[in-house]
């Protein structure tokens, strides 16, 4: 699987996307490159991955667009949040939760 490049870790891009799109954690971790349209500057969250069971289109702010352009592999397929195993996904989820708790207290 391709590694996320352009950042010193795998958490930063996901946190930046979350902050700039309002996407929920589950939506981020299930986001596929096929749902990202960089030319239209949108992300489509499918109903099957949405808490409200409705498909929605999210406009990309400049920072979110820059993050996606930075981490996009040459032949983008599969999930945006690339993890090599279940432990790595759980670690990201814990880190995202920790960052969320810190930002709520600020």
C-alpha atoms as a PDB file:
ATOM      1  CA  UNK A   1       0.000   0.000   0.000  1.00  0.00           C
ATOM      2  CA  UNK A   2       1.260   3.505  -0.722  1.00  0.00           C
ATOM      3  CA  UNK A   3       2.399   5.634   2.179  1.00  0.00           C
ATOM      4  CA  UNK A   4       1.085   9.136   2.836  1.00  0.00           C
ATOM      5  CA  UNK A   5       3.831  11.576   1.882  1.00  0.00           C
ATOM      6  CA  UNK A   6       4.349  15.274   2.487  1.00  0.00           C
ATOM      7  CA  UNK A   7       3.789  15.078   6.266  1.00  0.00           C
ATOM      8  CA  UNK A   8       5.957  13.753   9.072  1.00  0.00           C
ATOM      9  CA  UNK A   9       3.123  11.523  10.308  1.00  0.00           C
ATOM     10  CA  UNK A  10      -0.178   9.989   9.158  1.00  0.00           C
ATOM     11  CA  UNK A  11      -2.339  11.801  11.689  1.00  0.00           C
ATOM     12  CA  UNK A  12      -1.786  15.421  10.600  1.00  0.00           C
ATOM     13  CA  UNK A  13      -3.448  15.141   7.177  1.00  0.00           C
ATOM     14  CA  UNK A  14      -6.489  13.388   8.647  1.00  0.00           C
ATOM     15  CA  UNK A  15      -6.854  15.991  11.412  1.00  0.00           C
ATOM     16  CA  UNK A  16      -6.545  18.820   8.883  1.00  0.00           C
ATOM     17  CA  UNK A  17      -9.181  17.196   6.655  1.00  0.00           C
ATOM     18  CA  UNK A  18     -11.487  16.738   9.624  1.00  0.00           C
ATOM     19  CA  UNK A  19     -11.114  20.347  10.729  1.00  0.00           C
ATOM     20  CA  UNK A  20     -11.598  21.722   7.226  1.00  0.00           C
ATOM     21  CA  UNK A  21     -14.499  19.530   6.095  1.00  0.00           C
ATOM     22  CA  UNK A  22     -16.432  18.690   9.246  1.00  0.00           C
ATOM     23  CA  UNK A  23     -16.246  15.019   8.319  1.00  0.00           C
ATOM     24  CA  UNK A  24     -16.715  12.533  11.114  1.00  0.00           C
ATOM     25  CA  UNK A  25     -14.003  10.060  12.042  1.00  0.00           C
ATOM     26  CA  UNK A  26     -15.779   7.093  10.425  1.00  0.00           C
ATOM     27  CA  UNK A  27     -16.354   9.095   7.251  1.00  0.00           C
ATOM     28  CA  UNK A  28     -12.662  10.003   7.063  1.00  0.00           C
ATOM     29  CA  UNK A  29     -11.441   6.456   7.576  1.00  0.00           C
ATOM     30  CA  UNK A  30     -13.830   5.119   4.918  1.00  0.00           C
ATOM     31  CA  UNK A  31     -13.116   7.909   2.398  1.00  0.00           C
ATOM     32  CA  UNK A  32     -11.995   6.510  -0.960  1.00  0.00           C
ATOM     33  CA  UNK A  33     -10.104   8.431  -3.612  1.00  0.00           C
ATOM     34  CA  UNK A  34     -12.985   7.718  -5.981  1.00  0.00           C
ATOM     35  CA  UNK A  35     -15.121  10.042  -3.795  1.00  0.00           C
ATOM     36  CA  UNK A  36     -12.626  12.904  -4.043  1.00  0.00           C
ATOM     37  CA  UNK A  37     -12.975  15.283  -6.993  1.00  0.00           C
ATOM     38  CA  UNK A  38     -10.010  17.644  -6.937  1.00  0.00           C
ATOM     39  CA  UNK A  39     -11.069  19.454 -10.121  1.00  0.00           C
ATOM     40  CA  UNK A  40     -14.507  20.290  -8.687  1.00  0.00           C
ATOM     41  CA  UNK A  41     -13.016  20.721  -5.200  1.00  0.00           C
ATOM     42  CA  UNK A  42     -15.507  18.374  -3.554  1.00  0.00           C
ATOM     43  CA  UNK A  43     -15.730  15.199  -1.505  1.00  0.00           C
ATOM     44  CA  UNK A  44     -18.775  12.965  -1.787  1.00  0.00           C
ATOM     45  CA  UNK A  45     -19.683  11.144   1.420  1.00  0.00           C
ATOM     46  CA  UNK A  46     -21.773   8.131   0.474  1.00  0.00           C
ATOM     47  CA  UNK A  47     -24.911   7.344   2.456  1.00  0.00           C
ATOM     48  CA  UNK A  48     -23.429   3.985   3.451  1.00  0.00           C
ATOM     49  CA  UNK A  49     -20.583   5.828   5.246  1.00  0.00           C
ATOM     50  CA  UNK A  50     -22.680   8.656   6.677  1.00  0.00           C
ATOM     51  CA  UNK A  51     -24.194   8.754  10.134  1.00  0.00           C
ATOM     52  CA  UNK A  52     -27.384  10.268   8.719  1.00  0.00           C
ATOM     53  CA  UNK A  53     -27.604   7.669   5.924  1.00  0.00           C
ATOM     54  CA  UNK A  54     -27.701  10.395   3.278  1.00  0.00           C
ATOM     55  CA  UNK A  55     -25.171  11.083   0.557  1.00  0.00           C
ATOM     56  CA  UNK A  56     -23.740  14.571   0.729  1.00  0.00           C
ATOM     57  CA  UNK A  57     -21.216  16.625  -1.196  1.00  0.00           C
ATOM     58  CA  UNK A  58     -18.715  18.629   0.831  1.00  0.00           C
ATOM     59  CA  UNK A  59     -16.954  21.619  -0.760  1.00  0.00           C
ATOM     60  CA  UNK A  60     -13.214  21.639  -0.124  1.00  0.00           C
ATOM     61  CA  UNK A  61     -11.646  24.658   1.545  1.00  0.00           C
ATOM     62  CA  UNK A  62      -8.204  25.631   0.202  1.00  0.00           C
ATOM     63  CA  UNK A  63      -6.352  23.929   3.087  1.00  0.00           C
ATOM     64  CA  UNK A  64      -8.263  20.649   2.655  1.00  0.00           C
ATOM     65  CA  UNK A  65      -7.628  20.748  -1.088  1.00  0.00           C
ATOM     66  CA  UNK A  66      -3.900  21.332  -0.473  1.00  0.00           C
ATOM     67  CA  UNK A  67      -3.773  18.384   1.964  1.00  0.00           C
ATOM     68  CA  UNK A  68      -5.414  16.037  -0.537  1.00  0.00           C
ATOM     69  CA  UNK A  69      -3.141  17.171  -3.361  1.00  0.00           C
ATOM     70  CA  UNK A  70      -0.107  16.626  -1.127  1.00  0.00           C
ATOM     71  CA  UNK A  71      -1.028  13.106  -0.003  1.00  0.00           C
ATOM     72  CA  UNK A  72      -2.547  11.863  -3.266  1.00  0.00           C
ATOM     73  CA  UNK A  73      -0.499   9.028  -4.747  1.00  0.00           C
ATOM     74  CA  UNK A  74       0.202   9.004  -8.477  1.00  0.00           C
ATOM     75  CA  UNK A  75      -2.363   6.269  -9.106  1.00  0.00           C
ATOM     76  CA  UNK A  76      -4.929   7.044  -6.426  1.00  0.00           C
ATOM     77  CA  UNK A  77      -7.138   4.046  -5.667  1.00  0.00           C
ATOM     78  CA  UNK A  78      -8.600   2.724  -2.463  1.00  0.00           C
ATOM     79  CA  UNK A  79      -8.791   4.562   0.818  1.00  0.00           C
ATOM     80  CA  UNK A  80      -7.415   8.053   1.371  1.00  0.00           C
ATOM     81  CA  UNK A  81      -6.368   7.064   4.903  1.00  0.00           C
ATOM     82  CA  UNK A  82      -3.927   4.300   4.139  1.00  0.00           C
ATOM     83  CA  UNK A  83      -3.168   1.931   6.993  1.00  0.00           C
ATOM     84  CA  UNK A  84      -1.176  -1.239   6.640  1.00  0.00           C
ATOM     85  CA  UNK A  85      -2.960  -3.094   9.422  1.00  0.00           C
ATOM     86  CA  UNK A  86      -5.771  -2.932  11.982  1.00  0.00           C
ATOM     87  CA  UNK A  87      -3.400  -1.769  14.743  1.00  0.00           C
ATOM     88  CA  UNK A  88      -2.371   1.258  12.688  1.00  0.00           C
ATOM     89  CA  UNK A  89      -6.033   2.186  12.107  1.00  0.00           C
ATOM     90  CA  UNK A  90      -6.768   1.880  15.833  1.00  0.00           C
ATOM     91  CA  UNK A  91      -3.725   4.019  16.629  1.00  0.00           C
ATOM     92  CA  UNK A  92      -4.953   6.707  14.230  1.00  0.00           C
ATOM     93  CA  UNK A  93      -8.427   6.581  15.725  1.00  0.00           C
ATOM     94  CA  UNK A  94      -7.008   6.985  19.232  1.00  0.00           C
ATOM     95  CA  UNK A  95      -4.846   9.896  18.108  1.00  0.00           C
ATOM     96  CA  UNK A  96      -7.788  11.538  16.352  1.00  0.00           C
ATOM     97  CA  UNK A  97      -9.845  11.160  19.526  1.00  0.00           C
ATOM     98  CA  UNK A  98      -7.061  12.622  21.632  1.00  0.00           C
ATOM     99  CA  UNK A  99      -6.695  15.596  19.264  1.00  0.00           C
ATOM    100  CA  UNK A 100     -10.452  16.092  19.355  1.00  0.00           C
ATOM    101  CA  UNK A 101     -10.459  16.107  23.169  1.00  0.00           C
ATOM    102  CA  UNK A 102      -7.606  18.640  23.260  1.00  0.00           C
ATOM    103  CA  UNK A 103      -9.357  20.926  20.773  1.00  0.00           C
ATOM    104  CA  UNK A 104     -12.635  20.724  22.742  1.00  0.00           C
ATOM    105  CA  UNK A 105     -10.853  21.855  25.901  1.00  0.00           C
ATOM    106  CA  UNK A 106      -9.146  24.789  24.182  1.00  0.00           C
END
